[in-house]
Amino acid sequence: MARRRGLSAEDKALWSRVAATAVPLHPARKQAEPAPEPRPLKKPPAMPQVAPLPLAGLRIGGKPGAGTTRLDLSPPPREALHAQPLRMDHKTHRQMSRGKLVPEARIDLHGMTLAVAQPVLTRFILQARAEGRRLVLVITGKGREGGPDAPLPVRPGALRHNVPHWLHMPPLNAMVLQVRPAHRRHGGEGAYYVYLRR
């Protein structure tokens, strides 16, 4: 294999004569200005120190025992409903909360799946409103805990948690004046009073 040889003295002289006669293609174009030096980055603020959660009784590979901690950030339905402002008459509300008003209609959603229960509830509320009823009872059941072998953590009482949410969403929110947990004679925590608008 032949080695590459460099330019001879004659080739270098020829190249320097050609380079001296070269004319730029765009003489008006300015040479690119050098990029400004980047500003130094500000140091981010220090993160506040958070005390680690106590992990007493935690063992890698161990099974959850009776003392496992459960974190449920949403309040129970009873607390969430009582935190809402009162929109109905105080006297009527007091009688309703004490179980002294008899519901004019009732529906039992207990045992239904969420996909089945929502349209059934919507149809029931629309019909009750069309018939001029004011106080209806929606029975959800209290729900039960998922077993320890459940693949995902499931909040007990899916219907009990979802029914108030559905009643505060369109189209039902335009018809519902107040939702409150039922008195124990009408189902207690497993049922809701729904007071409809006129």
Protein backbone atom coordinates (compact mmCIF):
# COMPACT_ATOMS: atom_id res chain seq x y z
CA MET A 1 0.00 0.00 0.00
CA ALA A 2 1.42 3.36 -1.03
CA ARG A 3 2.03 5.92 1.67
CA ARG A 4 0.39 9.30 1.35
CA ARG A 5 2.84 11.96 0.60
CA GLY A 6 2.48 15.60 1.58
CA LEU A 7 2.28 18.57 -0.78
CA SER A 8 5.41 19.37 -2.67
CA ALA A 9 6.94 22.83 -2.55
CA GLU A 10 5.66 23.49 -6.08
CA ASP A 11 2.06 22.53 -5.05
CA LYS A 12 2.24 24.80 -1.99
CA ALA A 13 3.37 27.77 -4.09
CA LEU A 14 0.55 27.19 -6.59
CA TRP A 15 -2.03 26.99 -3.78
CA SER A 16 -0.88 30.23 -2.16
CA ARG A 17 -1.21 32.10 -5.54
CA VAL A 18 -4.79 30.76 -5.99
CA ALA A 19 -5.76 31.64 -2.39
CA ALA A 20 -4.51 35.21 -2.81
CA THR A 21 -6.89 35.78 -5.77
CA ALA A 22 -9.97 34.33 -3.97
CA VAL A 23 -12.92 36.75 -3.55
CA PRO A 24 -15.61 36.17 -0.87
CA LEU A 25 -19.06 35.20 -2.24
CA HIS A 26 -20.99 37.43 0.23
CA PRO A 27 -18.80 40.38 1.20
CA ALA A 28 -21.70 42.30 2.87
CA ARG A 29 -22.51 39.48 5.30
CA LYS A 30 -21.21 40.24 8.73
CA GLN A 31 -19.15 37.74 10.49
CA ALA A 32 -21.05 35.93 13.19
CA GLU A 33 -20.80 37.68 16.50
CA PRO A 34 -19.39 35.57 19.27
CA ALA A 35 -22.05 34.06 21.52
CA PRO A 36 -22.42 35.87 24.86
CA GLU A 37 -21.01 34.04 27.81
CA PRO A 38 -23.68 32.13 29.70
CA ARG A 39 -24.80 33.63 32.98
CA PRO A 40 -23.91 31.64 36.02
CA LEU A 41 -26.84 29.58 37.28
CA LYS A 42 -28.46 30.64 40.51
CA LYS A 43 -28.20 28.15 43.29
CA PRO A 44 -31.64 26.58 43.94
CA PRO A 45 -33.13 27.23 47.38
CA ALA A 46 -32.45 24.54 49.90
CA MET A 47 -35.27 22.05 50.40
CA PRO A 48 -36.77 22.03 53.91
CA GLN A 49 -35.77 19.07 55.98
CA VAL A 50 -38.67 16.68 56.58
CA ALA A 51 -38.57 14.23 59.41
CA PRO A 52 -38.84 10.65 58.12
CA LEU A 53 -42.00 8.71 58.88
CA PRO A 54 -41.62 6.21 61.68
CA LEU A 55 -41.36 2.73 60.23
CA ALA A 56 -41.72 0.75 63.42
CA GLY A 57 -42.66 -2.83 62.76
CA LEU A 58 -41.73 -2.68 59.08
CA ARG A 59 -39.69 -5.59 57.88
CA ILE A 60 -38.59 -6.22 54.31
CA GLY A 61 -40.42 -9.26 53.01
CA GLY A 62 -42.76 -9.29 56.01
CA LYS A 63 -46.54 -9.50 55.80
CA PRO A 64 -48.70 -6.57 56.89
CA GLY A 65 -49.94 -7.09 60.40
CA ALA A 66 -52.80 -5.69 62.42
CA GLY A 67 -50.85 -2.49 63.08
CA THR A 68 -50.45 -1.41 59.46
CA THR A 69 -51.02 2.26 58.80
CA ARG A 70 -53.66 3.27 56.26
CA LEU A 71 -53.56 6.65 54.58
CA ASP A 72 -56.89 7.85 53.21
CA LEU A 73 -56.70 11.51 52.35
CA SER A 74 -60.35 11.95 51.42
CA PRO A 75 -62.71 12.57 54.34
CA PRO A 76 -65.52 10.10 55.03
CA PRO A 77 -68.74 10.93 53.14
CA ARG A 78 -70.53 11.96 56.35
CA GLU A 79 -67.88 14.62 57.15
CA ALA A 80 -67.72 15.84 53.55
CA LEU A 81 -71.50 16.30 53.37
CA HIS A 82 -71.71 18.08 56.73
CA ALA A 83 -68.98 20.49 55.58
CA GLN A 84 -71.21 21.68 52.71
CA PRO A 85 -73.33 24.78 53.25
CA LEU A 86 -76.97 24.31 54.19
CA ARG A 87 -79.18 25.31 51.24
CA MET A 88 -82.52 24.06 52.48
CA ASP A 89 -84.84 25.35 55.21
CA HIS A 90 -83.28 24.91 58.68
CA LYS A 91 -86.44 23.54 60.29
CA THR A 92 -87.00 21.02 57.50
CA HIS A 93 -83.34 20.03 57.64
CA ARG A 94 -83.51 19.43 61.40
CA GLN A 95 -86.61 17.23 61.02
CA MET A 96 -85.01 15.34 58.13
CA SER A 97 -81.73 14.76 60.06
CA ARG A 98 -83.68 13.38 63.04
CA GLY A 99 -85.51 10.90 60.78
CA LYS A 100 -88.91 12.57 61.34
CA LEU A 101 -89.57 13.18 57.64
CA VAL A 102 -90.67 10.13 55.71
CA PRO A 103 -88.98 9.78 52.28
CA GLU A 104 -91.51 9.88 49.45
CA ALA A 105 -89.55 7.39 47.33
CA ARG A 106 -86.55 5.13 47.79
CA ILE A 107 -84.06 3.24 45.67
CA ASP A 108 -81.70 0.47 46.76
CA LEU A 109 -78.39 0.47 44.87
CA HIS A 110 -76.84 -2.01 47.29
CA GLY A 111 -75.01 -4.78 45.43
CA MET A 112 -74.86 -2.95 42.08
CA THR A 113 -71.61 -2.15 40.33
CA LEU A 114 -70.65 1.50 39.82
CA ALA A 115 -71.28 1.23 36.08
CA VAL A 116 -74.85 -0.02 36.65
CA ALA A 117 -75.68 2.13 39.68
CA GLN A 118 -74.97 5.56 38.16
CA PRO A 119 -77.53 5.41 35.30
CA VAL A 120 -80.09 3.79 37.64
CA LEU A 121 -79.63 6.62 40.15
CA THR A 122 -79.88 9.26 37.41
CA ARG A 123 -83.12 7.77 36.10
CA PHE A 124 -84.56 7.56 39.63
CA ILE A 125 -83.80 11.22 40.46
CA LEU A 126 -85.17 12.44 37.11
CA GLN A 127 -88.38 10.47 37.64
CA ALA A 128 -88.78 11.64 41.26
CA ARG A 129 -88.35 15.25 40.16
CA ALA A 130 -90.86 14.81 37.32
CA GLU A 131 -93.37 13.40 39.85
CA GLY A 132 -92.90 16.43 42.13
CA ARG A 133 -91.29 14.55 45.03
CA ARG A 134 -89.07 16.48 47.48
CA LEU A 135 -87.38 13.93 49.77
CA VAL A 136 -86.06 10.64 48.43
CA LEU A 137 -83.87 7.99 50.03
CA VAL A 138 -80.90 6.44 48.21
CA ILE A 139 -79.65 3.23 49.84
CA THR A 140 -76.02 2.36 49.07
CA GLY A 141 -75.03 -0.06 51.83
CA LYS A 142 -72.01 0.51 54.04
CA GLY A 143 -69.65 -1.52 51.90
CA ARG A 144 -67.13 -4.04 53.08
CA GLU A 145 -63.37 -4.21 53.28
CA GLY A 146 -61.45 -5.91 50.47
CA GLY A 147 -59.56 -8.98 51.62
CA PRO A 148 -55.82 -8.90 52.33
CA ASP A 149 -55.21 -10.73 49.04
CA ALA A 150 -56.90 -8.05 46.91
CA PRO A 151 -54.61 -6.99 44.02
CA LEU A 152 -55.18 -3.28 44.63
CA PRO A 153 -56.19 -1.36 47.72
CA VAL A 154 -59.93 -0.73 47.48
CA ARG A 155 -61.79 1.79 49.61
CA PRO A 156 -64.72 0.06 51.32
CA GLY A 157 -68.14 1.27 50.24
CA ALA A 158 -67.50 2.41 46.67
CA LEU A 159 -71.18 3.30 46.19
CA ARG A 160 -71.31 5.11 49.52
CA HIS A 161 -68.39 7.32 48.39
CA ASN A 162 -69.50 7.84 44.78
CA VAL A 163 -73.23 8.55 45.15
CA PRO A 164 -72.77 12.03 46.74
CA HIS A 165 -70.27 12.86 44.01
CA TRP A 166 -72.73 11.82 41.28
CA LEU A 167 -75.51 13.86 42.88
CA HIS A 168 -73.33 16.99 42.73
CA MET A 169 -72.48 16.50 39.04
CA PRO A 170 -74.57 17.47 35.98
CA PRO A 171 -77.35 16.74 35.21
CA LEU A 172 -78.42 15.87 38.78
CA ASN A 173 -76.87 18.91 40.49
CA ALA A 174 -79.53 21.14 38.91
CA MET A 175 -82.26 19.11 40.64
CA VAL A 176 -80.66 18.30 44.00
CA LEU A 177 -80.85 20.90 46.75
CA GLN A 178 -79.21 18.98 49.62
CA VAL A 179 -77.65 15.59 50.30
CA ARG A 180 -77.26 14.34 53.87
CA PRO A 181 -76.56 10.96 55.51
CA ALA A 182 -79.77 9.23 56.54
CA HIS A 183 -80.95 8.75 60.11
CA ARG A 184 -80.34 5.25 61.47
CA ARG A 185 -84.05 4.37 61.14
CA HIS A 186 -83.68 4.90 57.37
CA GLY A 187 -80.32 3.16 56.91
CA GLY A 188 -77.78 5.34 58.73
CA GLU A 189 -74.39 5.53 57.04
CA GLY A 190 -75.53 3.14 54.32
CA ALA A 191 -78.14 5.57 52.92
CA TYR A 192 -78.59 9.23 51.94
CA TYR A 193 -81.44 11.68 52.11
CA VAL A 194 -81.68 13.58 48.83
CA TYR A 195 -83.77 16.74 49.05
CA LEU A 196 -84.86 17.89 45.59
CA ARG A 197 -85.53 21.40 44.33
CA ARG A 198 -89.05 22.49 43.46
